[in-house]
Amino acid sequence: MLAGAENGGAETFFVNLCTALTAQGIDTRAVIRRNPTRARLLESGSVPVRETRYGRWFDFRTKRVLANEVRSFRPDVVLAFMNRAAAVIPAGPHLKVGRLGGFYDLKYYRRCDHLVCNTEGIHRHVVDAGWPADRCSVIYNFAEVDDSPPADRAALGVPEGATVLFTPARLHRAKGLDTLIQAAADLPDVHLWIAGSGPEEGTLRRQAAELAMADRVRFLGWRTDTGAFFRACDAVAFPSRHEPFGTAAIEAWAYGKPLVVSDADGPAEYVSNDVDALMVPRDDVAALRSALVRVKDDPALAERLVAAATRRHTEQFTREACVKAYVDLFDRLRLRRAA
């Protein structure tokens, strides 16, 4: 179950997880807030989809839709992504699992039997808020490469010999993109590609123009073919002020790109500074600029970071590892309930 925003990292991961479970042979259905693009992506991954409102007040239709799906499908597990879905998780003999990708209020999860958190930090938040530790698990997100060919750098206005930094992120103050633009302003050979949409787009465009960077910052909009830009860039920058997990970081690892990341909650948990990425303090423009210069001007450093990051991705952040963790959890919960 997913209500979710029109675009976003959690919503993208929902699609990836549903299609990954289906590919593993798990009979999966999705009930999502109306979103034709998301529905097409799920259907292309052989996931049957039902769309509904997930309205805030007096939305009796969504409850009927969910109840009908439970009656017809008879699931072993219902997995609700985030607050709105968890609050209306349908009754029945199935296991009710809520998945948290942030530091949410647990009042939305009262109907759930078990919670899945995608970081240890969120797990601590849940337990500190009074949720029983034995009814809560940690499963990291996964990242994998797509089959998009590399983007045409010249067509995107990048001159020969320039360095391209790529950032897939919602255009929101929490993502710290203003600090990235400011850090790159004094690096004339650096171009920024920013893939995302959100309320800060106008502000960020004005900032780029004021810093005489309009020709070096390309706003790509929300993209489903981010692999094209990962493949064509030289490094990935992810300077969030607040980031519960940060899938873009492990995507950089999956594509074999050097990563510069802030010490926001999620990345600070799993990134090792100067081992598999360069980590800088949030909102520290000077530190961010220095890290970008190091990655740009030191090929040996970039190669060392990528080698370590590739190992980390293979060990912890693959589709196979994530799907196995979910299936193993569901099996344990079913056995516990049967006992």
C-alpha atoms as a PDB file:
ATOM      1  CA  MET A   1       0.000   0.000   0.000  1.00  0.00           C
ATOM      2  CA  LEU A   2       1.274   3.464  -0.915  1.00  0.00           C
ATOM      3  CA  ALA A   3      -0.370   6.875  -0.739  1.00  0.00           C
ATOM      4  CA  GLY A   4       2.766   8.928  -1.305  1.00  0.00           C
ATOM      5  CA  ALA A   5       3.653  12.069  -3.208  1.00  0.00           C
ATOM      6  CA  GLU A   6       3.602  12.511  -6.967  1.00  0.00           C
ATOM      7  CA  ASN A   7       7.386  12.025  -7.050  1.00  0.00           C
ATOM      8  CA  GLY A   8       9.931  11.026  -4.461  1.00  0.00           C
ATOM      9  CA  GLY A   9      12.613   8.593  -3.398  1.00  0.00           C
ATOM     10  CA  ALA A  10      10.338   6.541  -1.129  1.00  0.00           C
ATOM     11  CA  GLU A  11       7.802   6.247  -3.928  1.00  0.00           C
ATOM     12  CA  THR A  12      10.499   5.116  -6.362  1.00  0.00           C
ATOM     13  CA  PHE A  13      11.708   2.516  -3.875  1.00  0.00           C
ATOM     14  CA  PHE A  14       8.137   1.244  -3.440  1.00  0.00           C
ATOM     15  CA  VAL A  15       7.975   0.495  -7.173  1.00  0.00           C
ATOM     16  CA  ASN A  16      11.420  -1.123  -7.097  1.00  0.00           C
ATOM     17  CA  LEU A  17      10.535  -3.326  -4.125  1.00  0.00           C
ATOM     18  CA  CYS A  18       7.193  -4.450  -5.558  1.00  0.00           C
ATOM     19  CA  THR A  19       8.743  -5.398  -8.890  1.00  0.00           C
ATOM     20  CA  ALA A  20      11.686  -7.089  -7.150  1.00  0.00           C
ATOM     21  CA  LEU A  21       9.363  -9.221  -5.000  1.00  0.00           C
ATOM     22  CA  THR A  22       7.363 -10.179  -8.091  1.00  0.00           C
ATOM     23  CA  ALA A  23      10.524 -11.117  -9.981  1.00  0.00           C
ATOM     24  CA  GLN A  24      11.461 -13.338  -7.026  1.00  0.00           C
ATOM     25  CA  GLY A  25       8.195 -15.257  -7.459  1.00  0.00           C
ATOM     26  CA  ILE A  26       6.287 -13.567  -4.621  1.00  0.00           C
ATOM     27  CA  ASP A  27       2.652 -12.990  -5.635  1.00  0.00           C
ATOM     28  CA  THR A  28       2.355  -9.238  -5.130  1.00  0.00           C
ATOM     29  CA  ARG A  29      -0.360  -6.641  -5.655  1.00  0.00           C
ATOM     30  CA  ALA A  30      -0.141  -2.870  -5.196  1.00  0.00           C
ATOM     31  CA  VAL A  31      -2.828  -0.417  -4.105  1.00  0.00           C
ATOM     32  CA  ILE A  32      -1.568   3.118  -4.706  1.00  0.00           C
ATOM     33  CA  ARG A  33      -2.812   6.693  -4.752  1.00  0.00           C
ATOM     34  CA  ARG A  34      -3.857   7.622  -8.270  1.00  0.00           C
ATOM     35  CA  ASN A  35      -0.690   8.086 -10.304  1.00  0.00           C
ATOM     36  CA  PRO A  36      -0.804   6.852 -13.921  1.00  0.00           C
ATOM     37  CA  THR A  37       2.984   6.968 -14.355  1.00  0.00           C
ATOM     38  CA  ARG A  38       3.589   4.909 -11.221  1.00  0.00           C
ATOM     39  CA  ALA A  39       0.857   2.484 -12.194  1.00  0.00           C
ATOM     40  CA  ARG A  40       2.470   1.948 -15.600  1.00  0.00           C
ATOM     41  CA  LEU A  41       5.863   1.294 -14.001  1.00  0.00           C
ATOM     42  CA  LEU A  42       4.352  -1.298 -11.678  1.00  0.00           C
ATOM     43  CA  GLU A  43       2.401  -2.958 -14.470  1.00  0.00           C
ATOM     44  CA  SER A  44       5.531  -3.099 -16.621  1.00  0.00           C
ATOM     45  CA  GLY A  45       7.080  -5.069 -13.766  1.00  0.00           C
ATOM     46  CA  SER A  46       4.126  -7.510 -13.802  1.00  0.00           C
ATOM     47  CA  VAL A  47       2.618  -6.085 -10.590  1.00  0.00           C
ATOM     48  CA  PRO A  48      -1.215  -5.806 -10.703  1.00  0.00           C
ATOM     49  CA  VAL A  49      -2.209  -2.310  -9.548  1.00  0.00           C
ATOM     50  CA  ARG A  50      -5.336  -0.755  -8.088  1.00  0.00           C
ATOM     51  CA  GLU A  51      -5.520   3.040  -7.777  1.00  0.00           C
ATOM     52  CA  THR A  52      -7.571   4.883  -5.163  1.00  0.00           C
ATOM     53  CA  ARG A  53      -7.741   8.232  -3.363  1.00  0.00           C
ATOM     54  CA  TYR A  54      -6.154   7.698   0.065  1.00  0.00           C
ATOM     55  CA  GLY A  55      -8.000  10.871   1.082  1.00  0.00           C
ATOM     56  CA  ARG A  56      -7.645  12.487   4.463  1.00  0.00           C
ATOM     57  CA  TRP A  57     -11.288  12.820   5.569  1.00  0.00           C
ATOM     58  CA  PHE A  58     -14.474  10.871   4.776  1.00  0.00           C
ATOM     59  CA  ASP A  59     -12.709   8.731   2.187  1.00  0.00           C
ATOM     60  CA  PHE A  60     -14.880   5.658   2.551  1.00  0.00           C
ATOM     61  CA  ARG A  61     -14.108   4.471  -0.969  1.00  0.00           C
ATOM     62  CA  THR A  62     -10.435   3.757  -0.218  1.00  0.00           C
ATOM     63  CA  LYS A  63     -11.392   1.600   2.750  1.00  0.00           C
ATOM     64  CA  ARG A  64     -13.826  -0.334   0.558  1.00  0.00           C
ATOM     65  CA  VAL A  65     -11.163  -0.773  -2.138  1.00  0.00           C
ATOM     66  CA  LEU A  66      -8.689  -2.114   0.415  1.00  0.00           C
ATOM     67  CA  ALA A  67     -11.250  -4.430   2.002  1.00  0.00           C
ATOM     68  CA  ASN A  68     -12.184  -5.810  -1.434  1.00  0.00           C
ATOM     69  CA  GLU A  69      -8.532  -6.394  -2.318  1.00  0.00           C
ATOM     70  CA  VAL A  70      -7.999  -8.310   0.926  1.00  0.00           C
ATOM     71  CA  ARG A  71     -11.084 -10.462   0.298  1.00  0.00           C
ATOM     72  CA  SER A  72     -10.124 -11.300  -3.277  1.00  0.00           C
ATOM     73  CA  PHE A  73      -6.352 -11.659  -2.863  1.00  0.00           C
ATOM     74  CA  ARG A  74      -6.229 -13.103   0.682  1.00  0.00           C
ATOM     75  CA  PRO A  75      -2.656 -11.922   1.337  1.00  0.00           C
ATOM     76  CA  ASP A  76      -0.336 -13.361   3.956  1.00  0.00           C
ATOM     77  CA  VAL A  77       1.136  -9.899   4.511  1.00  0.00           C
ATOM     78  CA  VAL A  78      -0.047  -6.345   3.894  1.00  0.00           C
ATOM     79  CA  LEU A  79       2.890  -3.915   3.754  1.00  0.00           C
ATOM     80  CA  ALA A  80       1.973  -0.243   4.207  1.00  0.00           C
ATOM     81  CA  PHE A  81       4.489   2.385   3.099  1.00  0.00           C
ATOM     82  CA  MET A  82       4.526   5.430   5.372  1.00  0.00           C
ATOM     83  CA  ASN A  83       1.883   7.227   7.392  1.00  0.00           C
ATOM     84  CA  ARG A  84      -1.226   7.592   5.232  1.00  0.00           C
ATOM     85  CA  ALA A  85      -1.263   3.970   4.116  1.00  0.00           C
ATOM     86  CA  ALA A  86      -0.449   2.591   7.564  1.00  0.00           C
ATOM     87  CA  ALA A  87      -3.307   4.553   9.124  1.00  0.00           C
ATOM     88  CA  VAL A  88      -5.863   2.705   6.946  1.00  0.00           C
ATOM     89  CA  ILE A  89      -4.235  -0.727   6.756  1.00  0.00           C
ATOM     90  CA  PRO A  90      -7.205  -3.102   6.417  1.00  0.00           C
ATOM     91  CA  ALA A  91      -8.355  -5.529   9.075  1.00  0.00           C
ATOM     92  CA  GLY A  92      -8.078  -9.254   8.531  1.00  0.00           C
ATOM     93  CA  PRO A  93      -6.072 -12.352   9.444  1.00  0.00           C
ATOM     94  CA  HIS A  94      -3.041 -11.173   7.436  1.00  0.00           C
ATOM     95  CA  LEU A  95       0.117  -9.750   9.015  1.00  0.00           C
ATOM     96  CA  LYS A  96       0.044  -5.962   9.057  1.00  0.00           C
ATOM     97  CA  VAL A  97       3.509  -4.478   8.492  1.00  0.00           C
ATOM     98  CA  GLY A  98       4.322  -0.778   8.358  1.00  0.00           C
ATOM     99  CA  ARG A  99       7.431   0.460   6.572  1.00  0.00           C
ATOM    100  CA  LEU A 100       9.032   3.686   7.844  1.00  0.00           C
ATOM    101  CA  GLY A 101      11.513   5.713   5.829  1.00  0.00           C
ATOM    102  CA  GLY A 102      11.636   8.629   8.273  1.00  0.00           C
ATOM    103  CA  PHE A 103      11.256   9.701  11.886  1.00  0.00           C
ATOM    104  CA  TYR A 104       7.475   9.503  11.850  1.00  0.00           C
ATOM    105  CA  ASP A 105       4.818   9.774  14.546  1.00  0.00           C
ATOM    106  CA  LEU A 106       3.834   6.256  15.596  1.00  0.00           C
ATOM    107  CA  LYS A 107       0.168   7.197  15.981  1.00  0.00           C
ATOM    108  CA  TYR A 108      -0.259   6.252  12.310  1.00  0.00           C
ATOM    109  CA  TYR A 109       1.024   2.702  12.900  1.00  0.00           C
ATOM    110  CA  ARG A 110      -1.291   1.529  15.693  1.00  0.00           C
ATOM    111  CA  ARG A 111      -2.935  -1.018  13.378  1.00  0.00           C
ATOM    112  CA  CYS A 112       0.422  -2.670  12.553  1.00  0.00           C
ATOM    113  CA  ASP A 113       1.787  -5.907  13.977  1.00  0.00           C
ATOM    114  CA  HIS A 114       5.388  -5.149  12.986  1.00  0.00           C
ATOM    115  CA  LEU A 115       7.422  -2.216  11.705  1.00  0.00           C
ATOM    116  CA  VAL A 116      10.273  -2.164   9.177  1.00  0.00           C
ATOM    117  CA  CYS A 117      12.742   0.738   9.427  1.00  0.00           C
ATOM    118  CA  ASN A 118      15.309   1.417   6.734  1.00  0.00           C
ATOM    119  CA  THR A 119      18.020   2.631   9.152  1.00  0.00           C
ATOM    120  CA  GLU A 120      19.189   1.874  12.677  1.00  0.00           C
ATOM    121  CA  GLY A 121      18.520   5.503  13.560  1.00  0.00           C
ATOM    122  CA  ILE A 122      14.837   5.198  12.667  1.00  0.00           C
ATOM    123  CA  HIS A 123      14.734   1.919  14.597  1.00  0.00           C
ATOM    124  CA  ARG A 124      16.070   3.718  17.693  1.00  0.00           C
ATOM    125  CA  HIS A 125      13.468   6.455  17.208  1.00  0.00           C
ATOM    126  CA  VAL A 126      10.673   3.873  17.062  1.00  0.00           C
ATOM    127  CA  VAL A 127      11.841   1.973  20.150  1.00  0.00           C
ATOM    128  CA  ASP A 128      12.465   5.192  22.102  1.00  0.00           C
ATOM    129  CA  ALA A 129       8.880   6.198  21.292  1.00  0.00           C
ATOM    130  CA  GLY A 130       7.659   3.042  23.047  1.00  0.00           C
ATOM    131  CA  TRP A 131       7.318   0.492  20.251  1.00  0.00           C
ATOM    132  CA  PRO A 132       8.414  -3.026  21.361  1.00  0.00           C
ATOM    133  CA  ALA A 133      11.901  -3.823  20.047  1.00  0.00           C
ATOM    134  CA  ASP A 134      10.901  -7.394  19.129  1.00  0.00           C
ATOM    135  CA  ARG A 135       8.209  -6.029  16.797  1.00  0.00           C
ATOM    136  CA  CYS A 136      10.557  -3.863  14.775  1.00  0.00           C
ATOM    137  CA  SER A 137      13.256  -4.704  12.201  1.00  0.00           C
ATOM    138  CA  VAL A 138      15.848  -2.888  10.098  1.00  0.00           C
ATOM    139  CA  ILE A 139      16.075  -3.549   6.353  1.00  0.00           C
ATOM    140  CA  TYR A 140      18.174  -1.233   4.194  1.00  0.00           C
ATOM    141  CA  ASN A 141      17.022  -0.037   0.802  1.00  0.00           C
ATOM    142  CA  PHE A 142      18.708  -1.372  -2.313  1.00  0.00           C
ATOM    143  CA  ALA A 143      20.013   0.258  -5.467  1.00  0.00           C
ATOM    144  CA  GLU A 144      20.665  -1.286  -8.857  1.00  0.00           C
ATOM    145  CA  VAL A 145      21.657  -0.010 -12.257  1.00  0.00           C
ATOM    146  CA  ASP A 146      19.233   0.392 -15.143  1.00  0.00           C
ATOM    147  CA  ASP A 147      19.954  -0.082 -18.844  1.00  0.00           C
ATOM    148  CA  SER A 148      19.850   3.588 -19.883  1.00  0.00           C
ATOM    149  CA  PRO A 149      22.698   4.635 -22.210  1.00  0.00           C
ATOM    150  CA  PRO A 150      24.880   7.512 -20.959  1.00  0.00           C
ATOM    151  CA  ALA A 151      23.426  10.986 -21.424  1.00  0.00           C
ATOM    152  CA  ASP A 152      24.971  13.142 -24.144  1.00  0.00           C
ATOM    153  CA  ARG A 153      27.142  15.600 -22.223  1.00  0.00           C
ATOM    154  CA  ALA A 154      27.632  17.937 -25.175  1.00  0.00           C
ATOM    155  CA  ALA A 155      23.887  18.095 -25.807  1.00  0.00           C
ATOM    156  CA  LEU A 156      23.487  19.185 -22.179  1.00  0.00           C
ATOM    157  CA  GLY A 157      25.931  22.049 -22.671  1.00  0.00           C
ATOM    158  CA  VAL A 158      28.989  20.468 -21.044  1.00  0.00           C
ATOM    159  CA  PRO A 159      32.261  21.491 -22.731  1.00  0.00           C
ATOM    160  CA  GLU A 160      35.112  19.054 -23.292  1.00  0.00           C
ATOM    161  CA  GLY A 161      37.215  18.598 -20.149  1.00  0.00           C
ATOM    162  CA  ALA A 162      34.609  19.889 -17.682  1.00  0.00           C
ATOM    163  CA  THR A 163      33.640  17.977 -14.533  1.00  0.00           C
ATOM    164  CA  VAL A 164      29.984  17.010 -14.122  1.00  0.00           C
ATOM    165  CA  LEU A 165      28.406  16.513 -10.686  1.00  0.00           C
ATOM    166  CA  PHE A 166      25.049  14.747 -10.615  1.00  0.00           C
ATOM    167  CA  THR A 167      22.419  14.984  -7.873  1.00  0.00           C
ATOM    168  CA  PRO A 168      19.049  13.194  -8.026  1.00  0.00           C
ATOM    169  CA  ALA A 169      16.957  14.892  -5.334  1.00  0.00           C
ATOM    170  CA  ARG A 170      13.650  16.524  -4.599  1.00  0.00           C
ATOM    171  CA  LEU A 171      13.984  20.286  -4.917  1.00  0.00           C
ATOM    172  CA  HIS A 172      13.409  20.969  -1.238  1.00  0.00           C
ATOM    173  CA  ARG A 173      15.416  22.894   1.323  1.00  0.00           C
ATOM    174  CA  ALA A 174      16.104  19.647   3.210  1.00  0.00           C
ATOM    175  CA  LYS A 175      18.250  18.459   0.294  1.00  0.00           C
ATOM    176  CA  GLY A 176      20.822  21.262   0.690  1.00  0.00           C
ATOM    177  CA  LEU A 177      21.049  21.954  -3.035  1.00  0.00           C
ATOM    178  CA  ASP A 178      21.631  25.651  -2.375  1.00  0.00           C
ATOM    179  CA  THR A 179      24.885  24.750  -0.625  1.00  0.00           C
ATOM    180  CA  LEU A 180      25.943  22.667  -3.628  1.00  0.00           C
ATOM    181  CA  ILE A 181      25.300  25.515  -6.062  1.00  0.00           C
ATOM    182  CA  GLN A 182      27.192  27.902  -3.799  1.00  0.00           C
ATOM    183  CA  ALA A 183      30.119  25.480  -3.419  1.00  0.00           C
ATOM    184  CA  ALA A 184      30.392  24.984  -7.183  1.00  0.00           C
ATOM    185  CA  ALA A 185      30.169  28.690  -8.001  1.00  0.00           C
ATOM    186  CA  ASP A 186      33.924  29.184  -7.495  1.00  0.00           C
ATOM    187  CA  LEU A 187      34.812  26.068  -9.520  1.00  0.00           C
ATOM    188  CA  PRO A 188      34.500  27.284 -13.129  1.00  0.00           C
ATOM    189  CA  ASP A 189      35.127  23.871 -14.683  1.00  0.00           C
ATOM    190  CA  VAL A 190      32.318  22.201 -12.696  1.00  0.00           C
ATOM    191  CA  HIS A 191      28.817  21.678 -14.129  1.00  0.00           C
ATOM    192  CA  LEU A 192      25.839  20.523 -12.052  1.00  0.00           C
ATOM    193  CA  TRP A 193      23.042  18.225 -13.182  1.00  0.00           C
ATOM    194  CA  ILE A 194      20.091  18.220 -10.789  1.00  0.00           C
ATOM    195  CA  ALA A 195      17.285  15.706 -11.422  1.00  0.00           C
ATOM    196  CA  GLY A 196      14.147  16.368  -9.438  1.00  0.00           C
ATOM    197  CA  SER A 197      11.121  18.560  -8.892  1.00  0.00           C
ATOM    198  CA  GLY A 198       9.829  20.433  -5.892  1.00  0.00           C
ATOM    199  CA  PRO A 199       8.970  23.738  -4.235  1.00  0.00           C
ATOM    200  CA  GLU A 200      12.503  25.177  -4.259  1.00  0.00           C
ATOM    201  CA  GLU A 201      13.018  25.098  -8.018  1.00  0.00           C
ATOM    202  CA  GLY A 202      12.409  28.815  -8.521  1.00  0.00           C
ATOM    203  CA  THR A 203      14.681  29.745  -5.623  1.00  0.00           C
ATOM    204  CA  LEU A 204      17.473  27.505  -6.869  1.00  0.00           C
ATOM    205  CA  ARG A 205      17.215  28.828 -10.416  1.00  0.00           C
ATOM    206  CA  ARG A 206      17.442  32.402  -9.127  1.00  0.00           C
ATOM    207  CA  GLN A 207      20.465  31.494  -7.005  1.00  0.00           C
ATOM    208  CA  ALA A 208      22.225  29.958  -9.999  1.00  0.00           C
ATOM    209  CA  ALA A 209      21.520  33.088 -12.069  1.00  0.00           C
ATOM    210  CA  GLU A 210      22.725  35.433  -9.305  1.00  0.00           C
ATOM    211  CA  LEU A 211      25.983  33.466  -9.050  1.00  0.00           C
ATOM    212  CA  ALA A 212      26.434  33.602 -12.842  1.00  0.00           C
ATOM    213  CA  MET A 213      26.010  29.830 -13.001  1.00  0.00           C
ATOM    214  CA  ALA A 214      22.877  29.555 -15.123  1.00  0.00           C
ATOM    215  CA  ASP A 215      24.905  27.994 -17.945  1.00  0.00           C
ATOM    216  CA  ARG A 216      26.538  25.480 -15.562  1.00  0.00           C
ATOM    217  CA  VAL A 217      23.478  24.224 -13.665  1.00  0.00           C
ATOM    218  CA  ARG A 218      21.075  22.024 -15.593  1.00  0.00           C
ATOM    219  CA  PHE A 219      17.680  21.345 -13.970  1.00  0.00           C
ATOM    220  CA  LEU A 220      16.548  18.067 -15.498  1.00  0.00           C
ATOM    221  CA  GLY A 221      13.137  17.753 -13.845  1.00  0.00           C
ATOM    222  CA  TRP A 222      11.889  14.521 -12.293  1.00  0.00           C
ATOM    223  CA  ARG A 223      13.424  11.608 -14.193  1.00  0.00           C
ATOM    224  CA  THR A 224      12.865   7.867 -14.218  1.00  0.00           C
ATOM    225  CA  ASP A 225      15.977   7.336 -16.394  1.00  0.00           C
ATOM    226  CA  THR A 226      18.520   8.575 -13.849  1.00  0.00           C
ATOM    227  CA  GLY A 227      20.940   5.854 -14.934  1.00  0.00           C
ATOM    228  CA  ALA A 228      21.732   7.902 -18.042  1.00  0.00           C
ATOM    229  CA  PHE A 229      23.020  10.742 -15.871  1.00  0.00           C
ATOM    230  CA  PHE A 230      24.803   8.524 -13.346  1.00  0.00           C
ATOM    231  CA  ARG A 231      26.701   6.914 -16.226  1.00  0.00           C
ATOM    232  CA  ALA A 232      27.627  10.227 -17.860  1.00  0.00           C
ATOM    233  CA  CYS A 233      28.648  12.186 -14.747  1.00  0.00           C
ATOM    234  CA  ASP A 234      32.072  12.274 -13.085  1.00  0.00           C
ATOM    235  CA  ALA A 235      30.904  12.255  -9.460  1.00  0.00           C
ATOM    236  CA  VAL A 236      27.751  12.377  -7.340  1.00  0.00           C
ATOM    237  CA  ALA A 237      27.107  15.076  -4.717  1.00  0.00           C
ATOM    238  CA  PHE A 238      24.421  14.611  -2.070  1.00  0.00           C
ATOM    239  CA  PRO A 239      24.585  17.476   0.482  1.00  0.00           C
ATOM    240  CA  SER A 240      21.292  16.997   2.368  1.00  0.00           C
ATOM    241  CA  ARG A 241      20.501  18.855   5.571  1.00  0.00           C
ATOM    242  CA  HIS A 242      18.067  16.109   6.541  1.00  0.00           C
ATOM    243  CA  GLU A 243      18.129  12.628   5.028  1.00  0.00           C
ATOM    244  CA  PRO A 244      16.630   9.641   6.875  1.00  0.00           C
ATOM    245  CA  PHE A 245      18.264   7.193   4.424  1.00  0.00           C
ATOM    246  CA  GLY A 246      19.520   8.676   1.150  1.00  0.00           C
ATOM    247  CA  THR A 247      19.065   6.181  -1.681  1.00  0.00           C
ATOM    248  CA  ALA A 248      21.000   8.460  -4.044  1.00  0.00           C
ATOM    249  CA  ALA A 249      24.162   7.650  -2.095  1.00  0.00           C
ATOM    250  CA  ILE A 250      23.931   3.911  -2.665  1.00  0.00           C
ATOM    251  CA  GLU A 251      22.881   4.541  -6.269  1.00  0.00           C
ATOM    252  CA  ALA A 252      26.197   6.340  -6.747  1.00  0.00           C
ATOM    253  CA  TRP A 253      27.904   3.240  -5.358  1.00  0.00           C
ATOM    254  CA  ALA A 254      25.928   0.957  -7.683  1.00  0.00           C
ATOM    255  CA  TYR A 255      26.999   3.000 -10.720  1.00  0.00           C
ATOM    256  CA  GLY A 256      30.630   3.154  -9.604  1.00  0.00           C
ATOM    257  CA  LYS A 257      30.800   6.922  -9.133  1.00  0.00           C
ATOM    258  CA  PRO A 258      32.777   8.754  -6.425  1.00  0.00           C
ATOM    259  CA  LEU A 259      30.443  10.213  -3.828  1.00  0.00           C
ATOM    260  CA  VAL A 260      30.531  13.417  -1.793  1.00  0.00           C
ATOM    261  CA  VAL A 261      27.834  13.364   0.882  1.00  0.00           C
ATOM    262  CA  SER A 262      26.804  15.329   3.969  1.00  0.00           C
ATOM    263  CA  ASP A 263      26.678  13.873   7.468  1.00  0.00           C
ATOM    264  CA  ALA A 264      22.861  13.751   7.466  1.00  0.00           C
ATOM    265  CA  ASP A 265      21.272  10.998   9.562  1.00  0.00           C
ATOM    266  CA  GLY A 266      21.090   8.166   7.039  1.00  0.00           C
ATOM    267  CA  PRO A 267      24.420   8.552   5.228  1.00  0.00           C
ATOM    268  CA  ALA A 268      26.209   9.174   8.534  1.00  0.00           C
ATOM    269  CA  GLU A 269      25.089   5.692   9.589  1.00  0.00           C
ATOM    270  CA  TYR A 270      26.444   3.675   6.674  1.00  0.00           C
ATOM    271  CA  VAL A 271      29.052   5.853   4.887  1.00  0.00           C
ATOM    272  CA  SER A 272      32.687   5.670   6.036  1.00  0.00           C
ATOM    273  CA  ASN A 273      34.402   8.998   5.465  1.00  0.00           C
ATOM    274  CA  ASP A 274      37.481   8.867   3.221  1.00  0.00           C
ATOM    275  CA  VAL A 275      36.887   5.136   2.696  1.00  0.00           C
ATOM    276  CA  ASP A 276      33.830   4.742   0.440  1.00  0.00           C
ATOM    277  CA  ALA A 277      32.887   8.450   0.130  1.00  0.00           C
ATOM    278  CA  LEU A 278      33.919  11.900   1.285  1.00  0.00           C
ATOM    279  CA  MET A 279      31.606  13.121   4.056  1.00  0.00           C
ATOM    280  CA  VAL A 280      31.284  16.790   5.006  1.00  0.00           C
ATOM    281  CA  PRO A 281      29.322  18.628   7.712  1.00  0.00           C
ATOM    282  CA  ARG A 282      25.855  19.778   6.743  1.00  0.00           C
ATOM    283  CA  ASP A 283      25.623  23.401   5.580  1.00  0.00           C
ATOM    284  CA  ASP A 284      29.424  23.756   5.423  1.00  0.00           C
ATOM    285  CA  VAL A 285      29.954  25.257   1.966  1.00  0.00           C
ATOM    286  CA  ALA A 286      33.736  25.504   2.327  1.00  0.00           C
ATOM    287  CA  ALA A 287      34.065  21.848   3.362  1.00  0.00           C
ATOM    288  CA  LEU A 288      31.802  20.780   0.510  1.00  0.00           C
ATOM    289  CA  ARG A 289      33.830  22.782  -2.014  1.00  0.00           C
ATOM    290  CA  SER A 290      37.074  21.287  -0.701  1.00  0.00           C
ATOM    291  CA  ALA A 291      35.690  17.741  -1.015  1.00  0.00           C
ATOM    292  CA  LEU A 292      34.501  18.407  -4.574  1.00  0.00           C
ATOM    293  CA  VAL A 293      37.970  19.665  -5.495  1.00  0.00           C
ATOM    294  CA  ARG A 294      39.605  16.584  -3.972  1.00  0.00           C
ATOM    295  CA  VAL A 295      37.409  14.192  -5.941  1.00  0.00           C
ATOM    296  CA  LYS A 296      37.783  16.233  -9.122  1.00  0.00           C
ATOM    297  CA  ASP A 297      41.555  16.668  -9.020  1.00  0.00           C
ATOM    298  CA  ASP A 298      42.726  13.386  -7.489  1.00  0.00           C
ATOM    299  CA  PRO A 299      41.917  10.415  -9.759  1.00  0.00           C
ATOM    300  CA  ALA A 300      43.650   7.991  -7.391  1.00  0.00           C
ATOM    301  CA  LEU A 301      41.387   9.100  -4.531  1.00  0.00           C
ATOM    302  CA  ALA A 302      38.289   8.767  -6.704  1.00  0.00           C
ATOM    303  CA  GLU A 303      39.346   5.277  -7.782  1.00  0.00           C
ATOM    304  CA  ARG A 304      39.974   4.208  -4.169  1.00  0.00           C
ATOM    305  CA  LEU A 305      36.568   5.508  -3.019  1.00  0.00           C
ATOM    306  CA  VAL A 306      34.784   3.719  -5.858  1.00  0.00           C
ATOM    307  CA  ALA A 307      36.537   0.408  -5.166  1.00  0.00           C
ATOM    308  CA  ALA A 308      35.504   0.457  -1.509  1.00  0.00           C
ATOM    309  CA  ALA A 309      31.980   1.634  -2.347  1.00  0.00           C
ATOM    310  CA  THR A 310      31.517  -1.175  -4.861  1.00  0.00           C
ATOM    311  CA  ARG A 311      32.393  -3.711  -2.157  1.00  0.00           C
ATOM    312  CA  ARG A 312      29.930  -2.114   0.279  1.00  0.00           C
ATOM    313  CA  HIS A 313      27.149  -2.117  -2.282  1.00  0.00           C
ATOM    314  CA  THR A 314      27.733  -5.769  -3.158  1.00  0.00           C
ATOM    315  CA  GLU A 315      27.745  -6.777   0.518  1.00  0.00           C
ATOM    316  CA  GLN A 316      24.717  -4.832   1.789  1.00  0.00           C
ATOM    317  CA  PHE A 317      22.705  -2.886  -0.746  1.00  0.00           C
ATOM    318  CA  THR A 318      21.772  -5.200  -3.620  1.00  0.00           C
ATOM    319  CA  ARG A 319      18.268  -6.124  -4.726  1.00  0.00           C
ATOM    320  CA  GLU A 320      18.950  -9.751  -3.769  1.00  0.00           C
ATOM    321  CA  ALA A 321      19.982  -8.866  -0.198  1.00  0.00           C
ATOM    322  CA  CYS A 322      16.969  -6.601   0.324  1.00  0.00           C
ATOM    323  CA  VAL A 323      14.366  -9.004  -1.085  1.00  0.00           C
ATOM    324  CA  LYS A 324      15.809 -11.879   0.936  1.00  0.00           C
ATOM    325  CA  ALA A 325      15.599  -9.766   4.102  1.00  0.00           C
ATOM    326  CA  TYR A 326      11.922  -8.947   3.472  1.00  0.00           C
ATOM    327  CA  VAL A 327      10.965 -12.519   2.601  1.00  0.00           C
ATOM    328  CA  ASP A 328      12.865 -13.912   5.594  1.00  0.00           C
ATOM    329  CA  LEU A 329      11.111 -11.419   7.860  1.00  0.00           C
ATOM    330  CA  PHE A 330       7.682 -12.290   6.497  1.00  0.00           C
ATOM    331  CA  ASP A 331       8.401 -16.005   6.959  1.00  0.00           C
ATOM    332  CA  ARG A 332       9.566 -15.470  10.567  1.00  0.00           C
ATOM    333  CA  LEU A 333       6.480 -13.430  11.373  1.00  0.00           C
ATOM    334  CA  ARG A 334       4.173 -16.048   9.869  1.00  0.00           C
ATOM    335  CA  LEU A 335       5.864 -18.825  11.838  1.00  0.00           C
ATOM    336  CA  ARG A 336       5.679 -16.779  15.024  1.00  0.00           C
ATOM    337  CA  ARG A 337       1.984 -16.154  14.501  1.00  0.00           C
ATOM    338  CA  ALA A 338       1.324 -19.830  13.752  1.00  0.00           C
ATOM    339  CA  ALA A 339       3.146 -20.829  16.949  1.00  0.00           C
END
